[in-house]
C-alpha atoms as a PDB file:
ATOM      1  CA  MET A   1       0.000   0.000   0.000  1.00  0.00           C
ATOM      2  CA  ASN A   2       1.256   3.492  -0.686  1.00  0.00           C
ATOM      3  CA  SER A   3       1.961   6.424   1.642  1.00  0.00           C
ATOM      4  CA  SER A   4      -1.566   7.837   1.414  1.00  0.00           C
ATOM      5  CA  LEU A   5      -2.962   5.446   3.973  1.00  0.00           C
ATOM      6  CA  LYS A   6      -5.433   5.636   6.833  1.00  0.00           C
ATOM      7  CA  VAL A   7      -5.187   2.887   9.460  1.00  0.00           C
ATOM      8  CA  PHE A   8      -8.224   1.865  11.496  1.00  0.00           C
ATOM      9  CA  CYS A   9      -7.847  -0.278  14.620  1.00  0.00           C
ATOM     10  CA  PRO A  10     -11.117  -1.671  15.940  1.00  0.00           C
ATOM     11  CA  VAL A  11     -11.053  -3.371  19.337  1.00  0.00           C
ATOM     12  CA  GLY A  12     -12.997  -6.302  20.769  1.00  0.00           C
ATOM     13  CA  ARG A  13     -16.130  -7.659  19.129  1.00  0.00           C
ATOM     14  CA  LEU A  14     -16.788  -6.076  15.758  1.00  0.00           C
ATOM     15  CA  SER A  15     -20.524  -6.660  15.613  1.00  0.00           C
ATOM     16  CA  GLY A  16     -23.923  -5.018  15.996  1.00  0.00           C
ATOM     17  CA  ASP A  17     -23.955  -1.287  16.619  1.00  0.00           C
ATOM     18  CA  TYR A  18     -20.169  -1.165  16.942  1.00  0.00           C
ATOM     19  CA  GLY A  19     -19.806  -2.876  13.552  1.00  0.00           C
ATOM     20  CA  ALA A  20     -22.217  -0.392  11.966  1.00  0.00           C
ATOM     21  CA  GLN A  21     -20.441   2.569  13.582  1.00  0.00           C
ATOM     22  CA  PHE A  22     -17.094   1.251  12.379  1.00  0.00           C
ATOM     23  CA  TYR A  23     -18.472   0.825   8.848  1.00  0.00           C
ATOM     24  CA  ASN A  24     -19.700   4.430   8.857  1.00  0.00           C
ATOM     25  CA  GLU A  25     -16.311   5.769  10.012  1.00  0.00           C
ATOM     26  CA  VAL A  26     -14.377   3.907   7.321  1.00  0.00           C
ATOM     27  CA  SER A  27     -16.991   4.684   4.667  1.00  0.00           C
ATOM     28  CA  CYS A  28     -16.857   8.416   5.442  1.00  0.00           C
ATOM     29  CA  SER A  29     -13.070   8.335   5.294  1.00  0.00           C
ATOM     30  CA  LEU A  30     -13.211   6.769   1.834  1.00  0.00           C
ATOM     31  CA  GLU A  31     -15.831   9.233   0.603  1.00  0.00           C
ATOM     32  CA  TYR A  32     -14.151  12.370   1.912  1.00  0.00           C
ATOM     33  CA  THR A  33     -10.466  11.568   1.491  1.00  0.00           C
ATOM     34  CA  GLY A  34     -10.235   8.767  -1.060  1.00  0.00           C
ATOM     35  CA  THR A  35      -7.134   7.474   0.742  1.00  0.00           C
ATOM     36  CA  ASN A  36      -6.127   3.849   0.989  1.00  0.00           C
ATOM     37  CA  VAL A  37      -7.598   2.026   3.980  1.00  0.00           C
ATOM     38  CA  LEU A  38      -5.879  -0.543   6.182  1.00  0.00           C
ATOM     39  CA  ILE A  39      -7.868  -2.205   8.942  1.00  0.00           C
ATOM     40  CA  ASN A  40      -5.641  -3.568  11.685  1.00  0.00           C
ATOM     41  CA  LEU A  41      -7.508  -6.508  13.242  1.00  0.00           C
ATOM     42  CA  GLN A  42      -4.912  -7.182  15.943  1.00  0.00           C
ATOM     43  CA  GLU A  43      -7.317  -6.369  18.800  1.00  0.00           C
ATOM     44  CA  VAL A  44     -10.474  -7.851  17.238  1.00  0.00           C
ATOM     45  CA  THR A  45     -11.741 -11.015  18.920  1.00  0.00           C
ATOM     46  CA  PHE A  46     -14.865 -11.601  16.810  1.00  0.00           C
ATOM     47  CA  ILE A  47     -16.596 -10.324  13.662  1.00  0.00           C
ATOM     48  CA  ASP A  48     -20.248 -11.155  12.998  1.00  0.00           C
ATOM     49  CA  LEU A  49     -21.547 -11.992   9.515  1.00  0.00           C
ATOM     50  CA  PRO A  50     -23.322  -8.647   8.924  1.00  0.00           C
ATOM     51  CA  THR A  51     -20.067  -6.830   9.709  1.00  0.00           C
ATOM     52  CA  LEU A  52     -18.167  -9.130   7.343  1.00  0.00           C
ATOM     53  CA  GLY A  53     -20.700  -8.101   4.704  1.00  0.00           C
ATOM     54  CA  MET A  54     -19.946  -4.469   5.539  1.00  0.00           C
ATOM     55  CA  MET A  55     -16.223  -5.176   5.072  1.00  0.00           C
ATOM     56  CA  LEU A  56     -17.018  -6.430   1.581  1.00  0.00           C
ATOM     57  CA  LYS A  57     -19.047  -3.259   0.903  1.00  0.00           C
ATOM     58  CA  LEU A  58     -16.099  -1.158   2.068  1.00  0.00           C
ATOM     59  CA  TYR A  59     -13.803  -3.076  -0.275  1.00  0.00           C
ATOM     60  CA  LYS A  60     -16.156  -2.371  -3.185  1.00  0.00           C
ATOM     61  CA  LYS A  61     -16.493   1.292  -2.193  1.00  0.00           C
ATOM     62  CA  ALA A  62     -12.689   1.587  -2.132  1.00  0.00           C
ATOM     63  CA  GLN A  63     -12.622   0.261  -5.698  1.00  0.00           C
ATOM     64  CA  VAL A  64     -15.129   2.945  -6.762  1.00  0.00           C
ATOM     65  CA  TYR A  65     -12.865   5.633  -5.257  1.00  0.00           C
ATOM     66  CA  GLN A  66      -9.773   3.931  -6.721  1.00  0.00           C
ATOM     67  CA  ALA A  67      -8.376   3.462  -3.230  1.00  0.00           C
ATOM     68  CA  GLY A  68      -6.691   0.434  -1.742  1.00  0.00           C
ATOM     69  CA  PHE A  69      -8.409  -1.618   0.943  1.00  0.00           C
ATOM     70  CA  ALA A  70      -6.684  -4.269   3.029  1.00  0.00           C
ATOM     71  CA  LEU A  71      -6.762  -6.010   6.377  1.00  0.00           C
ATOM     72  CA  CYS A  72      -3.840  -6.957   8.583  1.00  0.00           C
ATOM     73  CA  SER A  73      -2.883  -8.694  11.819  1.00  0.00           C
ATOM     74  CA  ALA A  74      -5.991 -10.869  12.068  1.00  0.00           C
ATOM     75  CA  THR A  75      -6.211 -12.916  15.255  1.00  0.00           C
ATOM     76  CA  PRO A  76      -6.489 -16.694  14.719  1.00  0.00           C
ATOM     77  CA  PRO A  77     -10.286 -16.835  15.281  1.00  0.00           C
ATOM     78  CA  VAL A  78     -10.856 -13.852  12.970  1.00  0.00           C
ATOM     79  CA  GLN A  79      -8.486 -15.277  10.335  1.00  0.00           C
ATOM     80  CA  ALA A  80     -10.401 -18.571  10.460  1.00  0.00           C
ATOM     81  CA  LEU A  81     -13.669 -16.711   9.886  1.00  0.00           C
ATOM     82  CA  LEU A  82     -12.190 -14.746   6.978  1.00  0.00           C
ATOM     83  CA  GLU A  83     -11.059 -18.017   5.405  1.00  0.00           C
ATOM     84  CA  LEU A  84     -14.353 -19.813   6.099  1.00  0.00           C
ATOM     85  CA  THR A  85     -16.338 -17.054   4.386  1.00  0.00           C
ATOM     86  CA  GLY A  86     -13.853 -16.714   1.498  1.00  0.00           C
ATOM     87  CA  LEU A  87     -13.219 -13.039   2.230  1.00  0.00           C
ATOM     88  CA  ASP A  88      -9.494 -13.824   2.298  1.00  0.00           C
ATOM     89  CA  LYS A  89      -9.742 -14.614  -1.436  1.00  0.00           C
ATOM     90  CA  VAL A  90     -11.258 -11.203  -2.198  1.00  0.00           C
ATOM     91  CA  VAL A  91      -9.579  -8.748   0.174  1.00  0.00           C
ATOM     92  CA  GLU A  92      -5.822  -8.518   0.598  1.00  0.00           C
ATOM     93  CA  ILE A  93      -4.809  -9.597   4.097  1.00  0.00           C
ATOM     94  CA  PHE A  94      -1.335  -8.833   5.422  1.00  0.00           C
ATOM     95  CA  GLU A  95       0.195 -10.772   8.275  1.00  0.00           C
ATOM     96  CA  ASN A  96       1.200  -7.588  10.139  1.00  0.00           C
ATOM     97  CA  LEU A  97       1.679  -3.833   9.774  1.00  0.00           C
ATOM     98  CA  ALA A  98       5.261  -4.157   8.559  1.00  0.00           C
ATOM     99  CA  GLU A  99       4.144  -6.392   5.691  1.00  0.00           C
ATOM    100  CA  ALA A 100       1.328  -3.951   4.862  1.00  0.00           C
ATOM    101  CA  TYR A 101       3.864  -1.141   4.651  1.00  0.00           C
ATOM    102  CA  GLY A 102       6.070  -3.279   2.412  1.00  0.00           C
ATOM    103  CA  GLU A 103       9.000  -3.481   4.799  1.00  0.00           C
ATOM    104  CA  PRO A 104      11.424  -6.392   4.621  1.00  0.00           C
ATOM    105  CA  PRO A 105      11.233  -9.032   7.387  1.00  0.00           C
ATOM    106  CA  GLY A 106      12.988  -7.980  10.567  1.00  0.00           C
ATOM    107  CA  VAL A 107      12.425  -4.260   9.987  1.00  0.00           C
ATOM    108  CA  SER A 108       9.801  -2.725  12.251  1.00  0.00           C
ATOM    109  CA  THR A 109       7.444   0.031  11.192  1.00  0.00           C
ATOM    110  CA  ALA A 110       8.264   3.360  12.855  1.00  0.00           C
ATOM    111  CA  SER A 111       5.575   4.017  15.458  1.00  0.00           C
ATOM    112  CA  SER A 112       5.880   7.765  14.961  1.00  0.00           C
ATOM    113  CA  SER A 113       4.538   7.571  11.420  1.00  0.00           C
ATOM    114  CA  GLU A 114       1.389   9.604  10.847  1.00  0.00           C
ATOM    115  CA  ASN A 115      -0.161   6.578   9.157  1.00  0.00           C
ATOM    116  CA  ASP A 116       0.097   4.417  12.297  1.00  0.00           C
ATOM    117  CA  VAL A 117      -2.458   6.514  14.160  1.00  0.00           C
ATOM    118  CA  CYS A 118      -5.573   4.454  14.523  1.00  0.00           C
ATOM    119  CA  GLU A 119      -8.991   5.972  14.101  1.00  0.00           C
END
């Protein structure tokens, strides 16, 4: 992903009202800035099916705005759900932030980068 990147870091269960609120935040970011979106799933313990559907909508919206859309750092239960639903075949999923930023193995992403700020 390129330097024009907005990172979102949801926490806990990404479902129900929280899932809808998260969708609205990312959707507004795409509409108003058109920047690439990276969703860091490191702190997400669960995603319900409606929210997975919203992730797919966000991916499609990013395509309309010619912006990148990717996920990273999925926890094992979330990764299993992404694979079970086939979303991992549609949306690019990086193992961690460093991989998303295109850094070689063993090089850590600078935490002072403006792009690391989670919304």
